[in-house]
Amino acid sequence: MYTDPLKDPKNHQLVVYMDIFDILKPKFVLMENVCDLVKFADAFLGYHAVGRLVYMNYQTRMGIMASARSYGVPQCRLRVFLWGANTMMVSIL
């Protein structure tokens, strides 16, 4: 059992994904994951992802899709989406 969720090898992809955003600095980011991102360890992973993006100057939103099946995806699991827009590169209208 890992006391730090980021030390668990199963969650390391989140750290790598955020590092890629930090290196490439795209104007917009979109990440999709399973709902456990906001359920596991008191939503630590979700807070980590949002916090990293905000620290990198992204305006960030997170949402849960009610059912992927409604959109033609052959699964009934809930999905989490994280959107971001780099405030240093995108002018807000």
C-alpha atoms as a PDB file:
ATOM      1  CA  MET A   1       0.000   0.000   0.000  1.00  0.00           C
ATOM      2  CA  TYR A   2       1.326   3.423  -0.970  1.00  0.00           C
ATOM      3  CA  THR A   3       0.795   6.369   1.378  1.00  0.00           C
ATOM      4  CA  ASP A   4       1.524   8.810  -1.478  1.00  0.00           C
ATOM      5  CA  PRO A   5      -0.755   8.034  -4.451  1.00  0.00           C
ATOM      6  CA  LEU A   6       1.801   9.555  -6.863  1.00  0.00           C
ATOM      7  CA  LYS A   7       4.369   6.937  -5.817  1.00  0.00           C
ATOM      8  CA  ASP A   8       2.079   4.115  -6.939  1.00  0.00           C
ATOM      9  CA  PRO A   9       3.302   2.940 -10.374  1.00  0.00           C
ATOM     10  CA  LYS A  10      -0.313   2.735 -11.608  1.00  0.00           C
ATOM     11  CA  ASN A  11      -0.699   6.488 -11.119  1.00  0.00           C
ATOM     12  CA  HIS A  12       2.674   7.536 -12.542  1.00  0.00           C
ATOM     13  CA  GLN A  13       1.134   8.197 -15.967  1.00  0.00           C
ATOM     14  CA  LEU A  14      -0.597  11.266 -14.492  1.00  0.00           C
ATOM     15  CA  VAL A  15       2.757  12.730 -13.425  1.00  0.00           C
ATOM     16  CA  VAL A  16       4.242  12.028 -16.862  1.00  0.00           C
ATOM     17  CA  TYR A  17       1.217  13.560 -18.606  1.00  0.00           C
ATOM     18  CA  MET A  18       1.541  16.762 -16.566  1.00  0.00           C
ATOM     19  CA  ASP A  19       5.303  16.853 -17.236  1.00  0.00           C
ATOM     20  CA  ILE A  20       4.605  16.636 -20.985  1.00  0.00           C
ATOM     21  CA  PHE A  21       2.238  19.625 -20.730  1.00  0.00           C
ATOM     22  CA  ASP A  22       4.905  21.522 -18.802  1.00  0.00           C
ATOM     23  CA  ILE A  23       7.531  20.833 -21.496  1.00  0.00           C
ATOM     24  CA  LEU A  24       5.384  21.359 -24.605  1.00  0.00           C
ATOM     25  CA  LYS A  25       3.224  24.179 -23.200  1.00  0.00           C
ATOM     26  CA  PRO A  26       0.307  23.688 -25.619  1.00  0.00           C
ATOM     27  CA  LYS A  27      -2.404  26.346 -25.907  1.00  0.00           C
ATOM     28  CA  PHE A  28      -5.085  23.834 -24.914  1.00  0.00           C
ATOM     29  CA  VAL A  29      -5.035  20.517 -23.045  1.00  0.00           C
ATOM     30  CA  LEU A  30      -7.588  17.741 -22.727  1.00  0.00           C
ATOM     31  CA  MET A  31      -7.269  14.688 -20.521  1.00  0.00           C
ATOM     32  CA  GLU A  32      -9.756  11.853 -20.127  1.00  0.00           C
ATOM     33  CA  ASN A  33      -9.596   9.238 -17.399  1.00  0.00           C
ATOM     34  CA  VAL A  34     -11.716   6.922 -15.280  1.00  0.00           C
ATOM     35  CA  CYS A  35     -13.819   8.363 -12.477  1.00  0.00           C
ATOM     36  CA  ASP A  36     -11.419   6.961  -9.865  1.00  0.00           C
ATOM     37  CA  LEU A  37      -9.255  10.016 -10.567  1.00  0.00           C
ATOM     38  CA  VAL A  38     -11.648  11.990  -8.357  1.00  0.00           C
ATOM     39  CA  LYS A  39     -12.676   9.152  -6.016  1.00  0.00           C
ATOM     40  CA  PHE A  40      -9.375   7.472  -5.069  1.00  0.00           C
ATOM     41  CA  ALA A  41      -7.493   8.809  -2.022  1.00  0.00           C
ATOM     42  CA  ASP A  42      -9.933  11.679  -1.357  1.00  0.00           C
ATOM     43  CA  ALA A  43      -9.550  12.947  -4.943  1.00  0.00           C
ATOM     44  CA  PHE A  44      -5.814  13.534  -4.465  1.00  0.00           C
ATOM     45  CA  LEU A  45      -5.021  12.719  -8.093  1.00  0.00           C
ATOM     46  CA  GLY A  46      -7.678  15.096  -9.408  1.00  0.00           C
ATOM     47  CA  TYR A  47      -6.453  17.876  -7.134  1.00  0.00           C
ATOM     48  CA  HIS A  48      -2.892  17.181  -8.239  1.00  0.00           C
ATOM     49  CA  ALA A  49      -3.786  17.417 -11.943  1.00  0.00           C
ATOM     50  CA  VAL A  50      -5.775  20.645 -11.533  1.00  0.00           C
ATOM     51  CA  GLY A  51      -3.101  22.135  -9.277  1.00  0.00           C
ATOM     52  CA  ARG A  52      -0.296  21.379 -11.719  1.00  0.00           C
ATOM     53  CA  LEU A  53      -2.223  22.944 -14.607  1.00  0.00           C
ATOM     54  CA  VAL A  54      -3.104  26.066 -12.604  1.00  0.00           C
ATOM     55  CA  TYR A  55       0.558  26.380 -11.569  1.00  0.00           C
ATOM     56  CA  MET A  56       1.472  26.247 -15.295  1.00  0.00           C
ATOM     57  CA  ASN A  57      -0.964  29.146 -16.003  1.00  0.00           C
ATOM     58  CA  TYR A  58      -3.846  27.098 -17.386  1.00  0.00           C
ATOM     59  CA  GLN A  59      -7.457  28.049 -16.783  1.00  0.00           C
ATOM     60  CA  THR A  60      -8.788  24.633 -15.830  1.00  0.00           C
ATOM     61  CA  ARG A  61     -12.116  22.828 -15.637  1.00  0.00           C
ATOM     62  CA  MET A  62     -12.890  19.265 -14.628  1.00  0.00           C
ATOM     63  CA  GLY A  63     -16.134  17.442 -15.343  1.00  0.00           C
ATOM     64  CA  ILE A  64     -17.656  13.983 -15.202  1.00  0.00           C
ATOM     65  CA  MET A  65     -19.545  12.576 -18.168  1.00  0.00           C
ATOM     66  CA  ALA A  66     -22.695  10.888 -16.934  1.00  0.00           C
ATOM     67  CA  SER A  67     -22.439   7.890 -19.240  1.00  0.00           C
ATOM     68  CA  ALA A  68     -20.086   7.288 -22.131  1.00  0.00           C
ATOM     69  CA  ARG A  69     -22.715   4.945 -23.579  1.00  0.00           C
ATOM     70  CA  SER A  70     -24.896   7.984 -24.361  1.00  0.00           C
ATOM     71  CA  TYR A  71     -22.206   9.118 -26.796  1.00  0.00           C
ATOM     72  CA  GLY A  72     -21.819   5.816 -28.642  1.00  0.00           C
ATOM     73  CA  VAL A  73     -18.932   4.443 -26.574  1.00  0.00           C
ATOM     74  CA  PRO A  74     -19.445   0.733 -25.794  1.00  0.00           C
ATOM     75  CA  GLN A  75     -18.968   1.042 -22.032  1.00  0.00           C
ATOM     76  CA  CYS A  76     -21.054   2.208 -19.130  1.00  0.00           C
ATOM     77  CA  ARG A  77     -18.295   3.596 -16.888  1.00  0.00           C
ATOM     78  CA  LEU A  78     -18.242   7.221 -15.831  1.00  0.00           C
ATOM     79  CA  ARG A  79     -15.443   9.275 -17.391  1.00  0.00           C
ATOM     80  CA  VAL A  80     -13.597  12.331 -16.060  1.00  0.00           C
ATOM     81  CA  PHE A  81     -12.493  15.096 -18.416  1.00  0.00           C
ATOM     82  CA  LEU A  82      -9.975  17.800 -17.590  1.00  0.00           C
ATOM     83  CA  TRP A  83      -9.795  20.800 -19.920  1.00  0.00           C
ATOM     84  CA  GLY A  84      -7.261  23.599 -19.826  1.00  0.00           C
ATOM     85  CA  ALA A  85      -6.436  26.783 -21.747  1.00  0.00           C
ATOM     86  CA  ASN A  86      -3.023  28.387 -21.332  1.00  0.00           C
ATOM     87  CA  THR A  87      -3.794  31.942 -20.186  1.00  0.00           C
ATOM     88  CA  MET A  88      -0.408  33.171 -21.401  1.00  0.00           C
ATOM     89  CA  MET A  89      -1.115  32.098 -24.999  1.00  0.00           C
ATOM     90  CA  VAL A  90      -4.873  32.384 -25.439  1.00  0.00           C
ATOM     91  CA  SER A  91      -6.639  35.721 -25.362  1.00  0.00           C
ATOM     92  CA  ILE A  92      -9.990  35.508 -23.631  1.00  0.00           C
ATOM     93  CA  LEU A  93     -12.786  37.233 -25.583  1.00  0.00           C
END
